[in-house]
Structure formats: structure tokens, C-alpha cells
C-alpha atoms as a PDB file:
ATOM      1  CA  MET A   1       0.146   0.085  -0.038  1.00  0.00           C
ATOM      2  CA  LEU A   2       1.049   3.468  -0.879  1.00  0.00           C
ATOM      3  CA  ALA A   3      -0.030   6.285   1.652  1.00  0.00           C
ATOM      4  CA  ASP A   4       0.680  10.087   1.710  1.00  0.00           C
ATOM      5  CA  ALA A   5       2.056  12.086   4.226  1.00  0.00           C
ATOM      6  CA  LEU A   6      -1.455  12.329   6.131  1.00  0.00           C
ATOM      7  CA  GLY A   7      -1.362   8.462   6.516  1.00  0.00           C
ATOM      8  CA  ARG A   8      -4.388   8.458   3.716  1.00  0.00           C
ATOM      9  CA  PRO A   9      -4.209   5.615   1.033  1.00  0.00           C
ATOM     10  CA  LEU A  10      -3.161   6.391  -2.186  1.00  0.00           C
ATOM     11  CA  ARG A  11      -2.858   3.018  -4.166  1.00  0.00           C
ATOM     12  CA  LEU A  12      -3.142  -0.562  -3.222  1.00  0.00           C
ATOM     13  CA  ILE A  13      -1.975  -3.955  -4.500  1.00  0.00           C
ATOM     14  CA  VAL A  14      -3.085  -7.102  -3.515  1.00  0.00           C
ATOM     15  CA  THR A  15      -0.818 -10.104  -3.718  1.00  0.00           C
ATOM     16  CA  ALA A  16      -0.761 -13.722  -2.322  1.00  0.00           C
ATOM     17  CA  GLY A  17      -0.077 -14.187   0.922  1.00  0.00           C
ATOM     18  CA  GLN A  18       3.522 -15.659   0.461  1.00  0.00           C
ATOM     19  CA  VAL A  19       4.652 -13.181  -1.851  1.00  0.00           C
ATOM     20  CA  GLY A  20       7.392 -10.563  -0.502  1.00  0.00           C
ATOM     21  CA  ASP A  21       6.025  -7.032  -0.491  1.00  0.00           C
ATOM     22  CA  VAL A  22       9.173  -5.686  -2.106  1.00  0.00           C
ATOM     23  CA  THR A  23       8.325  -7.180  -5.380  1.00  0.00           C
ATOM     24  CA  GLN A  24       5.171  -4.665  -5.855  1.00  0.00           C
ATOM     25  CA  ALA A  25       7.003  -1.582  -4.578  1.00  0.00           C
ATOM     26  CA  GLU A  26       8.192  -0.326  -7.745  1.00  0.00           C
ATOM     27  CA  ALA A  27       4.499  -1.043  -9.380  1.00  0.00           C
ATOM     28  CA  LEU A  28       3.201   1.149  -6.267  1.00  0.00           C
ATOM     29  CA  LEU A  29       5.591   3.851  -6.721  1.00  0.00           C
ATOM     30  CA  GLU A  30       5.150   4.294 -10.584  1.00  0.00           C
ATOM     31  CA  GLY A  31       3.791   7.711 -11.698  1.00  0.00           C
ATOM     32  CA  TRP A  32       4.251   9.127  -7.977  1.00  0.00           C
ATOM     33  CA  SER A  33       6.643  11.663  -6.798  1.00  0.00           C
ATOM     34  CA  GLY A  34       7.893  13.299  -3.425  1.00  0.00           C
ATOM     35  CA  ALA A  35      10.666  14.316  -1.346  1.00  0.00           C
ATOM     36  CA  ALA A  36      11.142  10.931   0.428  1.00  0.00           C
ATOM     37  CA  VAL A  37      10.318   7.405   0.548  1.00  0.00           C
ATOM     38  CA  LEU A  38       9.763   5.589   3.715  1.00  0.00           C
ATOM     39  CA  ALA A  39       9.983   1.887   4.056  1.00  0.00           C
ATOM     40  CA  ASP A  40      10.872  -0.878   6.564  1.00  0.00           C
ATOM     41  CA  LYS A  41      13.743  -3.172   6.191  1.00  0.00           C
ATOM     42  CA  ALA A  42      11.947  -5.505   4.246  1.00  0.00           C
ATOM     43  CA  TYR A  43      11.914  -3.074   1.351  1.00  0.00           C
ATOM     44  CA  ASP A  44      15.562  -2.739   1.639  1.00  0.00           C
ATOM     45  CA  SER A  45      16.995  -3.677  -2.052  1.00  0.00           C
ATOM     46  CA  ASN A  46      19.348  -2.141  -4.337  1.00  0.00           C
ATOM     47  CA  ALA A  47      16.806  -2.011  -7.181  1.00  0.00           C
ATOM     48  CA  LEU A  48      14.153  -0.026  -5.248  1.00  0.00           C
ATOM     49  CA  ARG A  49      16.806   2.217  -4.044  1.00  0.00           C
ATOM     50  CA  GLU A  50      17.700   3.179  -7.677  1.00  0.00           C
ATOM     51  CA  THR A  51      14.099   3.850  -8.302  1.00  0.00           C
ATOM     52  CA  ILE A  52      13.896   5.965  -5.656  1.00  0.00           C
ATOM     53  CA  ALA A  53      17.002   7.654  -6.844  1.00  0.00           C
ATOM     54  CA  ALA A  54      15.451   8.130 -10.172  1.00  0.00           C
ATOM     55  CA  MET A  55      12.752   9.634  -9.016  1.00  0.00           C
ATOM     56  CA  LYS A  56      14.954  12.182  -7.190  1.00  0.00           C
ATOM     57  CA  ALA A  57      13.523  11.282  -3.816  1.00  0.00           C
ATOM     58  CA  GLU A  58      15.473  10.162  -0.649  1.00  0.00           C
ATOM     59  CA  ALA A  59      15.161   6.601   0.623  1.00  0.00           C
ATOM     60  CA  VAL A  60      14.450   6.536   4.098  1.00  0.00           C
ATOM     61  CA  ILE A  61      15.027   2.785   4.615  1.00  0.00           C
ATOM     62  CA  PRO A  62      16.892   0.780   6.999  1.00  0.00           C
ATOM     63  CA  SER A  63      19.373  -1.555   6.195  1.00  0.00           C
ATOM     64  CA  ASN A  64      18.530  -5.018   6.620  1.00  0.00           C
ATOM     65  CA  ARG A  65      20.964  -7.275   9.022  1.00  0.00           C
ATOM     66  CA  SER A  66      22.283  -9.258   6.436  1.00  0.00           C
ATOM     67  CA  ARG A  67      23.688  -6.260   4.170  1.00  0.00           C
ATOM     68  CA  LYS A  68      27.441  -6.326   4.239  1.00  0.00           C
ATOM     69  CA  VAL A  69      27.681  -2.357   3.787  1.00  0.00           C
ATOM     70  CA  ILE A  70      25.163  -0.551   5.933  1.00  0.00           C
ATOM     71  CA  ILE A  71      23.458   2.184   4.418  1.00  0.00           C
ATOM     72  CA  PRO A  72      22.504   4.983   6.839  1.00  0.00           C
ATOM     73  CA  HIS A  73      19.024   6.443   6.843  1.00  0.00           C
ATOM     74  CA  ASP A  74      17.570   9.716   8.410  1.00  0.00           C
ATOM     75  CA  GLY A  75      16.224   8.640  11.918  1.00  0.00           C
ATOM     76  CA  GLU A  76      14.197  11.657  12.255  1.00  0.00           C
ATOM     77  CA  VAL A  77      12.191  11.097   8.919  1.00  0.00           C
ATOM     78  CA  TYR A  78      11.956   7.501   9.705  1.00  0.00           C
ATOM     79  CA  ARG A  79       9.851   8.060  12.863  1.00  0.00           C
ATOM     80  CA  HIS A  80       6.957   9.335  10.496  1.00  0.00           C
ATOM     81  CA  ARG A  81       6.808   6.211   8.930  1.00  0.00           C
ATOM     82  CA  ASN A  82       4.100   4.810  11.593  1.00  0.00           C
ATOM     83  CA  ARG A  83       1.559   6.862   9.073  1.00  0.00           C
ATOM     84  CA  ILE A  84       1.565   3.908   6.985  1.00  0.00           C
ATOM     85  CA  GLU A  85       0.580   1.875  10.017  1.00  0.00           C
ATOM     86  CA  ARG A  86      -2.064   4.340  11.085  1.00  0.00           C
ATOM     87  CA  CYS A  87      -3.468   3.881   7.597  1.00  0.00           C
ATOM     88  CA  PHE A  88      -3.730  -0.008   7.887  1.00  0.00           C
ATOM     89  CA  ASN A  89      -5.239   0.523  11.182  1.00  0.00           C
ATOM     90  CA  ARG A  90      -7.961   2.826   9.755  1.00  0.00           C
ATOM     91  CA  LEU A  91      -8.711   0.375   7.057  1.00  0.00           C
ATOM     92  CA  LYS A  92      -8.867  -2.669   9.801  1.00  0.00           C
ATOM     93  CA  HIS A  93     -11.847  -0.778  11.216  1.00  0.00           C
ATOM     94  CA  PHE A  94     -13.877  -2.174   8.445  1.00  0.00           C
ATOM     95  CA  ARG A  95     -14.844  -5.697   9.547  1.00  0.00           C
ATOM     96  CA  ARG A  96     -15.088  -7.001   6.412  1.00  0.00           C
ATOM     97  CA  PHE A  97     -11.603  -5.837   5.396  1.00  0.00           C
ATOM     98  CA  SER A  98      -9.643  -7.049   8.725  1.00  0.00           C
ATOM     99  CA  THR A  99     -11.049 -10.578   8.597  1.00  0.00           C
ATOM    100  CA  ARG A 100     -11.064 -10.765   4.711  1.00  0.00           C
ATOM    101  CA  TYR A 101     -14.765 -12.367   4.450  1.00  0.00           C
ATOM    102  CA  ASP A 102     -14.216 -12.268   0.519  1.00  0.00           C
ATOM    103  CA  ARG A 103     -12.925 -15.343  -1.307  1.00  0.00           C
ATOM    104  CA  ARG A 104     -12.165 -13.647  -4.744  1.00  0.00           C
ATOM    105  CA  THR A 105      -9.417 -11.222  -4.688  1.00  0.00           C
ATOM    106  CA  ILE A 106     -11.422  -8.826  -6.850  1.00  0.00           C
ATOM    107  CA  TYR A 107     -14.317  -8.325  -4.314  1.00  0.00           C
ATOM    108  CA  PHE A 108     -11.476  -7.880  -1.394  1.00  0.00           C
ATOM    109  CA  GLU A 109      -9.718  -5.337  -3.561  1.00  0.00           C
ATOM    110  CA  GLY A 110     -13.174  -3.610  -4.540  1.00  0.00           C
ATOM    111  CA  PHE A 111     -14.082  -3.253  -0.736  1.00  0.00           C
ATOM    112  CA  ALA A 112     -10.625  -2.234   0.034  1.00  0.00           C
ATOM    113  CA  LEU A 113     -10.596   0.623  -2.460  1.00  0.00           C
ATOM    114  CA  LEU A 114     -14.433   1.646  -1.173  1.00  0.00           C
ATOM    115  CA  ALA A 115     -12.988   1.611   2.317  1.00  0.00           C
ATOM    116  CA  ALA A 116     -10.179   4.003   1.318  1.00  0.00           C
ATOM    117  CA  ALA A 117     -12.360   6.157  -0.355  1.00  0.00           C
ATOM    118  CA  MET A 118     -14.524   6.552   2.669  1.00  0.00           C
ATOM    119  CA  ILE A 119     -11.347   7.364   4.800  1.00  0.00           C
ATOM    120  CA  TRP A 120     -10.591  10.149   2.221  1.00  0.00           C
ATOM    121  CA  LEU A 121     -14.003  11.393   2.991  1.00  0.00           C
ATOM    122  CA  ARG A 122     -13.679  11.794   6.474  1.00  0.00           C
END
């Protein structure tokens, strides 16, 4: 999920449970711009960092423990990463989203987009 600086959802891609999130990061960022991209350690990859650099944005991603050369990040800016967690929390207030009653992905994604629109209208 991609969220703005206020923690409102902008873009959502639903993947299978066993697929890593970093595989969809470039698709989420496509067409968007900003001063910085905040993400957690799961998104620490050289390819994603190059994509963010091509956007002329700062990658605020802590290095994974397995990385040989630690790449520093801005700790003050990284503190604002909790806004994406708040966005997920707002979406989880919708019971149908949090329990995933929908078996088909298209129905789940449709309701997630409806819930995101309701968050924007508040």
C-alpha cells in the first residue's frame, strides 16, 4: 500500500500471502513523486533504492541485517513511517477488510478501495 504524508491510502496492490512486499514496491511508486520514500527493512533492496533515486527522492529505508555495507538513513524522517501503520489501522476498522470475508481477490480489492474512499471522505 502507498500512503501520503497524512496517512491516507493512495494505491493498493493485493498479492498472494507468500509473496514478499518488495516485489510490488516499484509498481506502487510508478507515477508518483515526493521528497522521500519511507519503508521498513523488508524493502531494503538495491533495485528499489535505484528506482527511488531515479524519482529524485530520498530513500529512508533502514538496512537489513544481512547487508554487508550498512546504508545510513535519516532517523528523524523515519519516525514518520508510522503513518502507513495508522492507515492500515483505519482500514482494519472495517470488519470486512480486517477479517477478509471475501474469497475472491477482486471483491476484497473492491471493498478495500471503497474503504479507502470512505477514509478520504472523513
